[in-house]
Amino acid sequence: MARKIRAGVVGVGHFGRHHVAKYASLDTCTLTAVADIDAARAAQVAAECGTRAVTDHRALFGEVDAVSVVVPTRGGSGPRPT
C-alpha cells in the first residue's frame, strides 16, 4: 500500500471546515493539522476531527505533503454569473 498523503488546512472558517472534513474522510490521507489565527476556532475544529491545531501556518512546514489555504471571500471584483 502506498504511503498516505499528509495534509493540512490553513484557515478553518466556513469553507475551511469543508476542506477539513474531506481530508479527514479520505483513506489515502492523514490530516496532520489545522491552522487558524483564531486559536479557539483552530482548537475546536482540530478536536472535532482528531488532529492538532496551530495558529501559525509555518508550523506545518516539513510536516505536510499538501495543504489547502482557505481564505474568506469578501465581495471580490471577479466576474459574476449572468
PDB file of N, CA and C in Angstrom:
ATOM      1  N   MET A   1       0.838  -1.185   0.000  1.00  0.00           N
ATOM      2  CA  MET A   1       0.000   0.000   0.000  1.00  0.00           C
ATOM      3  C   MET A   1       0.885   1.251   0.000  1.00  0.00           C
ATOM      4  N   ALA A   2       0.485   2.241  -0.740  1.00  0.00           N
ATOM      5  CA  ALA A   2       1.236   3.492  -0.830  1.00  0.00           C
ATOM      6  C   ALA A   2       1.121   4.278   0.473  1.00  0.00           C
ATOM      7  N   ARG A   3       2.114   5.109   0.704  1.00  0.00           N
ATOM      8  CA  ARG A   3       2.117   5.970   1.893  1.00  0.00           C
ATOM      9  C   ARG A   3       0.970   6.973   1.792  1.00  0.00           C
ATOM     10  N   LYS A   4       0.329   7.255   2.918  1.00  0.00           N
ATOM     11  CA  LYS A   4      -0.753   8.238   2.941  1.00  0.00           C
ATOM     12  C   LYS A   4      -0.192   9.644   2.759  1.00  0.00           C
ATOM     13  N   ILE A   5      -0.943  10.480   2.077  1.00  0.00           N
ATOM     14  CA  ILE A   5      -0.588  11.888   1.918  1.00  0.00           C
ATOM     15  C   ILE A   5      -0.860  12.603   3.227  1.00  0.00           C
ATOM     16  N   ARG A   6       0.099  13.390   3.675  1.00  0.00           N
ATOM     17  CA  ARG A   6      -0.060  14.190   4.892  1.00  0.00           C
ATOM     18  C   ARG A   6      -0.589  15.557   4.481  1.00  0.00           C
ATOM     19  N   ALA A   7      -1.781  15.899   4.949  1.00  0.00           N
ATOM     20  CA  ALA A   7      -2.428  17.145   4.524  1.00  0.00           C
ATOM     21  C   ALA A   7      -2.670  18.062   5.709  1.00  0.00           C
ATOM     22  N   GLY A   8      -2.792  19.346   5.394  1.00  0.00           N
ATOM     23  CA  GLY A   8      -3.138  20.348   6.384  1.00  0.00           C
ATOM     24  C   GLY A   8      -4.091  21.361   5.777  1.00  0.00           C
ATOM     25  N   VAL A   9      -4.775  22.092   6.629  1.00  0.00           N
ATOM     26  CA  VAL A   9      -5.679  23.141   6.176  1.00  0.00           C
ATOM     27  C   VAL A   9      -5.331  24.418   6.928  1.00  0.00           C
ATOM     28  N   VAL A  10      -5.100  25.477   6.160  1.00  0.00           N
ATOM     29  CA  VAL A  10      -4.818  26.793   6.733  1.00  0.00           C
ATOM     30  C   VAL A  10      -6.065  27.642   6.537  1.00  0.00           C
ATOM     31  N   GLY A  11      -6.695  28.022   7.627  1.00  0.00           N
ATOM     32  CA  GLY A  11      -7.945  28.777   7.585  1.00  0.00           C
ATOM     33  C   GLY A  11      -9.115  27.833   7.739  1.00  0.00           C
ATOM     34  N   VAL A  12      -9.672  27.751   8.941  1.00  0.00           N
ATOM     35  CA  VAL A  12     -10.743  26.781   9.182  1.00  0.00           C
ATOM     36  C   VAL A  12     -12.059  27.465   9.552  1.00  0.00           C
ATOM     37  N   GLY A  13     -12.365  28.514   8.796  1.00  0.00           N
ATOM     38  CA  GLY A  13     -13.670  29.159   8.912  1.00  0.00           C
ATOM     39  C   GLY A  13     -14.702  28.327   8.170  1.00  0.00           C
ATOM     40  N   HIS A  14     -15.706  28.972   7.629  1.00  0.00           N
ATOM     41  CA  HIS A  14     -16.815  28.278   6.960  1.00  0.00           C
ATOM     42  C   HIS A  14     -16.343  27.329   5.866  1.00  0.00           C
ATOM     43  N   PHE A  15     -15.612  27.825   4.899  1.00  0.00           N
ATOM     44  CA  PHE A  15     -15.160  26.972   3.790  1.00  0.00           C
ATOM     45  C   PHE A  15     -14.034  26.037   4.211  1.00  0.00           C
ATOM     46  N   GLY A  16     -13.161  26.486   5.086  1.00  0.00           N
ATOM     47  CA  GLY A  16     -12.061  25.645   5.540  1.00  0.00           C
ATOM     48  C   GLY A  16     -12.531  24.376   6.217  1.00  0.00           C
ATOM     49  N   ARG A  17     -13.642  24.456   6.922  1.00  0.00           N
ATOM     50  CA  ARG A  17     -14.195  23.263   7.576  1.00  0.00           C
ATOM     51  C   ARG A  17     -14.577  22.199   6.554  1.00  0.00           C
ATOM     52  N   HIS A  18     -15.004  22.613   5.369  1.00  0.00           N
ATOM     53  CA  HIS A  18     -15.319  21.644   4.310  1.00  0.00           C
ATOM     54  C   HIS A  18     -14.056  20.912   3.874  1.00  0.00           C
ATOM     55  N   HIS A  19     -12.963  21.647   3.734  1.00  0.00           N
ATOM     56  CA  HIS A  19     -11.689  21.024   3.363  1.00  0.00           C
ATOM     57  C   HIS A  19     -11.247  20.039   4.443  1.00  0.00           C
ATOM     58  N   VAL A  20     -11.370  20.439   5.701  1.00  0.00           N
ATOM     59  CA  VAL A  20     -11.014  19.573   6.819  1.00  0.00           C
ATOM     60  C   VAL A  20     -11.823  18.281   6.758  1.00  0.00           C
ATOM     61  N   ALA A  21     -13.117  18.385   6.569  1.00  0.00           N
ATOM     62  CA  ALA A  21     -13.983  17.199   6.525  1.00  0.00           C
ATOM     63  C   ALA A  21     -13.593  16.270   5.389  1.00  0.00           C
ATOM     64  N   LYS A  22     -13.287  16.834   4.227  1.00  0.00           N
ATOM     65  CA  LYS A  22     -12.899  15.998   3.082  1.00  0.00           C
ATOM     66  C   LYS A  22     -11.590  15.278   3.345  1.00  0.00           C
ATOM     67  N   TYR A  23     -10.566  16.005   3.802  1.00  0.00           N
ATOM     68  CA  TYR A  23      -9.290  15.354   4.094  1.00  0.00           C
ATOM     69  C   TYR A  23      -9.457  14.278   5.160  1.00  0.00           C
ATOM     70  N   ALA A  24     -10.205  14.580   6.215  1.00  0.00           N
ATOM     71  CA  ALA A  24     -10.386  13.631   7.314  1.00  0.00           C
ATOM     72  C   ALA A  24     -11.111  12.361   6.863  1.00  0.00           C
ATOM     73  N   SER A  25     -11.916  12.455   5.817  1.00  0.00           N
ATOM     74  CA  SER A  25     -12.687  11.291   5.367  1.00  0.00           C
ATOM     75  C   SER A  25     -11.936  10.404   4.371  1.00  0.00           C
ATOM     76  N   LEU A  26     -10.815  10.866   3.865  1.00  0.00           N
ATOM     77  CA  LEU A  26     -10.080  10.107   2.846  1.00  0.00           C
ATOM     78  C   LEU A  26      -9.213   9.013   3.459  1.00  0.00           C
ATOM     79  N   ASP A  27      -9.305   7.806   2.925  1.00  0.00           N
ATOM     80  CA  ASP A  27      -8.470   6.701   3.382  1.00  0.00           C
ATOM     81  C   ASP A  27      -7.015   6.869   2.952  1.00  0.00           C
ATOM     82  N   THR A  28      -6.797   7.661   1.928  1.00  0.00           N
ATOM     83  CA  THR A  28      -5.459   7.848   1.371  1.00  0.00           C
ATOM     84  C   THR A  28      -4.734   9.050   1.973  1.00  0.00           C
ATOM     85  N   CYS A  29      -5.315   9.638   3.006  1.00  0.00           N
ATOM     86  CA  CYS A  29      -4.815  10.900   3.539  1.00  0.00           C
ATOM     87  C   CYS A  29      -4.815  10.876   5.066  1.00  0.00           C
ATOM     88  N   THR A  30      -3.833  11.550   5.632  1.00  0.00           N
ATOM     89  CA  THR A  30      -3.802  11.804   7.069  1.00  0.00           C
ATOM     90  C   THR A  30      -3.867  13.306   7.268  1.00  0.00           C
ATOM     91  N   LEU A  31      -4.862  13.774   7.979  1.00  0.00           N
ATOM     92  CA  LEU A  31      -4.966  15.206   8.285  1.00  0.00           C
ATOM     93  C   LEU A  31      -3.999  15.493   9.425  1.00  0.00           C
ATOM     94  N   THR A  32      -2.877  16.105   9.093  1.00  0.00           N
ATOM     95  CA  THR A  32      -1.794  16.328  10.044  1.00  0.00           C
ATOM     96  C   THR A  32      -2.124  17.424  11.051  1.00  0.00           C
ATOM     97  N   ALA A  33      -2.703  18.525  10.570  1.00  0.00           N
ATOM     98  CA  ALA A  33      -3.015  19.650  11.459  1.00  0.00           C
ATOM     99  C   ALA A  33      -3.894  20.647  10.740  1.00  0.00           C
ATOM    100  N   VAL A  34      -4.527  21.491  11.536  1.00  0.00           N
ATOM    101  CA  VAL A  34      -5.264  22.634  11.007  1.00  0.00           C
ATOM    102  C   VAL A  34      -4.647  23.894  11.600  1.00  0.00           C
ATOM    103  N   ALA A  35      -4.646  24.960  10.816  1.00  0.00           N
ATOM    104  CA  ALA A  35      -4.063  26.227  11.265  1.00  0.00           C
ATOM    105  C   ALA A  35      -5.073  27.349  11.089  1.00  0.00           C
ATOM    106  N   ASP A  36      -5.164  28.193  12.103  1.00  0.00           N
ATOM    107  CA  ASP A  36      -6.018  29.372  12.016  1.00  0.00           C
ATOM    108  C   ASP A  36      -5.495  30.387  13.024  1.00  0.00           C
ATOM    109  N   ILE A  37      -5.575  31.668  12.678  1.00  0.00           N
ATOM    110  CA  ILE A  37      -5.103  32.687  13.620  1.00  0.00           C
ATOM    111  C   ILE A  37      -6.006  32.795  14.838  1.00  0.00           C
ATOM    112  N   ASP A  38      -7.222  32.295  14.737  1.00  0.00           N
ATOM    113  CA  ASP A  38      -8.140  32.226  15.878  1.00  0.00           C
ATOM    114  C   ASP A  38      -7.881  30.900  16.598  1.00  0.00           C
ATOM    115  N   ALA A  39      -7.143  30.952  17.691  1.00  0.00           N
ATOM    116  CA  ALA A  39      -6.722  29.740  18.402  1.00  0.00           C
ATOM    117  C   ALA A  39      -7.907  28.889  18.859  1.00  0.00           C
ATOM    118  N   ALA A  40      -8.965  29.523  19.331  1.00  0.00           N
ATOM    119  CA  ALA A  40     -10.133  28.771  19.803  1.00  0.00           C
ATOM    120  C   ALA A  40     -10.799  28.022  18.654  1.00  0.00           C
ATOM    121  N   ARG A  41     -10.919  28.688  17.514  1.00  0.00           N
ATOM    122  CA  ARG A  41     -11.531  28.030  16.348  1.00  0.00           C
ATOM    123  C   ARG A  41     -10.655  26.867  15.887  1.00  0.00           C
ATOM    124  N   ALA A  42      -9.349  27.078  15.810  1.00  0.00           N
ATOM    125  CA  ALA A  42      -8.444  26.005  15.394  1.00  0.00           C
ATOM    126  C   ALA A  42      -8.553  24.819  16.338  1.00  0.00           C
ATOM    127  N   ALA A  43      -8.577  25.088  17.636  1.00  0.00           N
ATOM    128  CA  ALA A  43      -8.669  24.013  18.624  1.00  0.00           C
ATOM    129  C   ALA A  43      -9.982  23.246  18.509  1.00  0.00           C
ATOM    130  N   GLN A  44     -11.067  23.965  18.284  1.00  0.00           N
ATOM    131  CA  GLN A  44     -12.374  23.311  18.169  1.00  0.00           C
ATOM    132  C   GLN A  44     -12.423  22.394  16.946  1.00  0.00           C
ATOM    133  N   VAL A  45     -11.984  22.904  15.808  1.00  0.00           N
ATOM    134  CA  VAL A  45     -12.017  22.113  14.568  1.00  0.00           C
ATOM    135  C   VAL A  45     -11.073  20.915  14.688  1.00  0.00           C
ATOM    136  N   ALA A  46      -9.899  21.128  15.257  1.00  0.00           N
ATOM    137  CA  ALA A  46      -8.940  20.030  15.429  1.00  0.00           C
ATOM    138  C   ALA A  46      -9.521  18.938  16.321  1.00  0.00           C
ATOM    139  N   ALA A  47     -10.181  19.328  17.397  1.00  0.00           N
ATOM    140  CA  ALA A  47     -10.782  18.353  18.306  1.00  0.00           C
ATOM    141  C   ALA A  47     -11.876  17.554  17.606  1.00  0.00           C
ATOM    142  N   GLU A  48     -12.635  18.213  16.748  1.00  0.00           N
ATOM    143  CA  GLU A  48     -13.735  17.552  16.042  1.00  0.00           C
ATOM    144  C   GLU A  48     -13.235  16.461  15.097  1.00  0.00           C
ATOM    145  N   CYS A  49     -12.022  16.626  14.565  1.00  0.00           N
ATOM    146  CA  CYS A  49     -11.538  15.650  13.586  1.00  0.00           C
ATOM    147  C   CYS A  49     -10.302  14.893  14.063  1.00  0.00           C
ATOM    148  N   GLY A  50      -9.927  15.069  15.318  1.00  0.00           N
ATOM    149  CA  GLY A  50      -8.839  14.288  15.894  1.00  0.00           C
ATOM    150  C   GLY A  50      -7.456  14.615  15.353  1.00  0.00           C
ATOM    151  N   THR A  51      -7.183  15.889  15.160  1.00  0.00           N
ATOM    152  CA  THR A  51      -5.858  16.298  14.721  1.00  0.00           C
ATOM    153  C   THR A  51      -5.347  17.397  15.627  1.00  0.00           C
ATOM    154  N   ARG A  52      -4.247  18.007  15.270  1.00  0.00           N
ATOM    155  CA  ARG A  52      -3.706  19.062  16.127  1.00  0.00           C
ATOM    156  C   ARG A  52      -3.983  20.430  15.532  1.00  0.00           C
ATOM    157  N   ALA A  53      -3.995  21.414  16.394  1.00  0.00           N
ATOM    158  CA  ALA A  53      -4.270  22.791  16.000  1.00  0.00           C
ATOM    159  C   ALA A  53      -3.014  23.627  16.168  1.00  0.00           C
ATOM    160  N   VAL A  54      -2.793  24.543  15.213  1.00  0.00           N
ATOM    161  CA  VAL A  54      -1.707  25.520  15.321  1.00  0.00           C
ATOM    162  C   VAL A  54      -2.264  26.880  14.917  1.00  0.00           C
ATOM    163  N   THR A  55      -1.613  27.930  15.376  1.00  0.00           N
ATOM    164  CA  THR A  55      -2.054  29.271  14.991  1.00  0.00           C
ATOM    165  C   THR A  55      -1.127  29.908  13.965  1.00  0.00           C
ATOM    166  N   ASP A  56      -0.022  29.276  13.685  1.00  0.00           N
ATOM    167  CA  ASP A  56       0.935  29.793  12.705  1.00  0.00           C
ATOM    168  C   ASP A  56       1.113  28.751  11.610  1.00  0.00           C
ATOM    169  N   HIS A  57       0.741  29.093  10.394  1.00  0.00           N
ATOM    170  CA  HIS A  57       0.808  28.149   9.275  1.00  0.00           C
ATOM    171  C   HIS A  57       2.217  27.608   9.058  1.00  0.00           C
ATOM    172  N   ARG A  58       3.222  28.351   9.478  1.00  0.00           N
ATOM    173  CA  ARG A  58       4.602  27.906   9.278  1.00  0.00           C
ATOM    174  C   ARG A  58       4.932  26.658  10.090  1.00  0.00           C
ATOM    175  N   ALA A  59       4.121  26.359  11.082  1.00  0.00           N
ATOM    176  CA  ALA A  59       4.323  25.142  11.868  1.00  0.00           C
ATOM    177  C   ALA A  59       4.089  23.887  11.025  1.00  0.00           C
ATOM    178  N   LEU A  60       3.441  24.036   9.882  1.00  0.00           N
ATOM    179  CA  LEU A  60       3.162  22.898   9.013  1.00  0.00           C
ATOM    180  C   LEU A  60       4.329  22.557   8.081  1.00  0.00           C
ATOM    181  N   PHE A  61       5.287  23.473   7.938  1.00  0.00           N
ATOM    182  CA  PHE A  61       6.421  23.243   7.032  1.00  0.00           C
ATOM    183  C   PHE A  61       7.133  21.945   7.405  1.00  0.00           C
ATOM    184  N   GLY A  62       7.351  21.102   6.417  1.00  0.00           N
ATOM    185  CA  GLY A  62       8.042  19.838   6.628  1.00  0.00           C
ATOM    186  C   GLY A  62       7.166  18.736   7.184  1.00  0.00           C
ATOM    187  N   GLU A  63       5.926  19.043   7.545  1.00  0.00           N
ATOM    188  CA  GLU A  63       5.030  18.048   8.127  1.00  0.00           C
ATOM    189  C   GLU A  63       3.883  17.658   7.208  1.00  0.00           C
ATOM    190  N   VAL A  64       3.745  18.345   6.088  1.00  0.00           N
ATOM    191  CA  VAL A  64       2.639  18.057   5.168  1.00  0.00           C
ATOM    192  C   VAL A  64       3.156  17.894   3.745  1.00  0.00           C
ATOM    193  N   ASP A  65       2.418  17.112   2.969  1.00  0.00           N
ATOM    194  CA  ASP A  65       2.693  16.952   1.546  1.00  0.00           C
ATOM    195  C   ASP A  65       1.788  17.858   0.719  1.00  0.00           C
ATOM    196  N   ALA A  66       0.639  18.216   1.293  1.00  0.00           N
ATOM    197  CA  ALA A  66      -0.348  19.050   0.602  1.00  0.00           C
ATOM    198  C   ALA A  66      -1.047  19.911   1.643  1.00  0.00           C
ATOM    199  N   VAL A  67      -1.467  21.102   1.201  1.00  0.00           N
ATOM    200  CA  VAL A  67      -2.174  21.990   2.115  1.00  0.00           C
ATOM    201  C   VAL A  67      -3.218  22.786   1.336  1.00  0.00           C
ATOM    202  N   SER A  68      -4.367  22.969   1.948  1.00  0.00           N
ATOM    203  CA  SER A  68      -5.383  23.878   1.409  1.00  0.00           C
ATOM    204  C   SER A  68      -5.250  25.193   2.160  1.00  0.00           C
ATOM    205  N   VAL A  69      -5.136  26.284   1.429  1.00  0.00           N
ATOM    206  CA  VAL A  69      -5.137  27.619   2.029  1.00  0.00           C
ATOM    207  C   VAL A  69      -6.502  28.200   1.717  1.00  0.00           C
ATOM    208  N   VAL A  70      -7.328  28.342   2.736  1.00  0.00           N
ATOM    209  CA  VAL A  70      -8.724  28.706   2.553  1.00  0.00           C
ATOM    210  C   VAL A  70      -8.947  30.080   3.183  1.00  0.00           C
ATOM    211  N   VAL A  71      -9.189  31.060   2.333  1.00  0.00           N
ATOM    212  CA  VAL A  71      -9.323  32.443   2.792  1.00  0.00           C
ATOM    213  C   VAL A  71     -10.760  32.918   2.612  1.00  0.00           C
ATOM    214  N   PRO A  72     -11.166  33.910   3.383  1.00  0.00           N
ATOM    215  CA  PRO A  72     -12.545  34.416   3.263  1.00  0.00           C
ATOM    216  C   PRO A  72     -12.811  35.012   1.895  1.00  0.00           C
ATOM    217  N   THR A  73     -14.048  34.897   1.464  1.00  0.00           N
ATOM    218  CA  THR A  73     -14.464  35.566   0.247  1.00  0.00           C
ATOM    219  C   THR A  73     -15.227  36.809   0.674  1.00  0.00           C
ATOM    220  N   ARG A  74     -14.849  37.945   0.139  1.00  0.00           N
ATOM    221  CA  ARG A  74     -15.471  39.198   0.538  1.00  0.00           C
ATOM    222  C   ARG A  74     -15.758  40.068  -0.671  1.00  0.00           C
ATOM    223  N   GLY A  75     -16.826  39.805  -1.361  1.00  0.00           N
ATOM    224  CA  GLY A  75     -17.263  40.670  -2.452  1.00  0.00           C
ATOM    225  C   GLY A  75     -16.173  41.059  -3.427  1.00  0.00           C
ATOM    226  N   GLY A  76     -15.414  40.082  -3.886  1.00  0.00           N
ATOM    227  CA  GLY A  76     -14.318  40.353  -4.803  1.00  0.00           C
ATOM    228  C   GLY A  76     -14.759  41.028  -6.084  1.00  0.00           C
ATOM    229  N   SER A  77     -13.793  41.428  -6.879  1.00  0.00           N
ATOM    230  CA  SER A  77     -14.094  42.138  -8.114  1.00  0.00           C
ATOM    231  C   SER A  77     -14.096  41.210  -9.318  1.00  0.00           C
ATOM    232  N   GLY A  78     -14.087  39.906  -9.075  1.00  0.00           N
ATOM    233  CA  GLY A  78     -14.062  38.944 -10.166  1.00  0.00           C
ATOM    234  C   GLY A  78     -15.374  38.909 -10.930  1.00  0.00           C
ATOM    235  N   PRO A  79     -15.409  38.095 -11.980  1.00  0.00           N
ATOM    236  CA  PRO A  79     -16.630  38.003 -12.810  1.00  0.00           C
ATOM    237  C   PRO A  79     -17.806  37.451 -12.016  1.00  0.00           C
ATOM    238  N   ARG A  80     -18.964  37.918 -12.326  1.00  0.00           N
ATOM    239  CA  ARG A  80     -20.177  37.467 -11.660  1.00  0.00           C
ATOM    240  C   ARG A  80     -21.047  36.731 -12.678  1.00  0.00           C
ATOM    241  N   PRO A  81     -21.730  35.688 -12.204  1.00  0.00           N
ATOM    242  CA  PRO A  81     -22.615  34.958 -13.117  1.00  0.00           C
ATOM    243  C   PRO A  81     -23.711  35.877 -13.671  1.00  0.00           C
ATOM    244  N   THR A  82     -24.090  35.647 -14.893  1.00  0.00           N
ATOM    245  CA  THR A  82     -25.167  36.452 -15.501  1.00  0.00           C
ATOM    246  C   THR A  82     -26.427  35.649 -15.634  1.00  0.00           C
TER     247      THR A  82
END
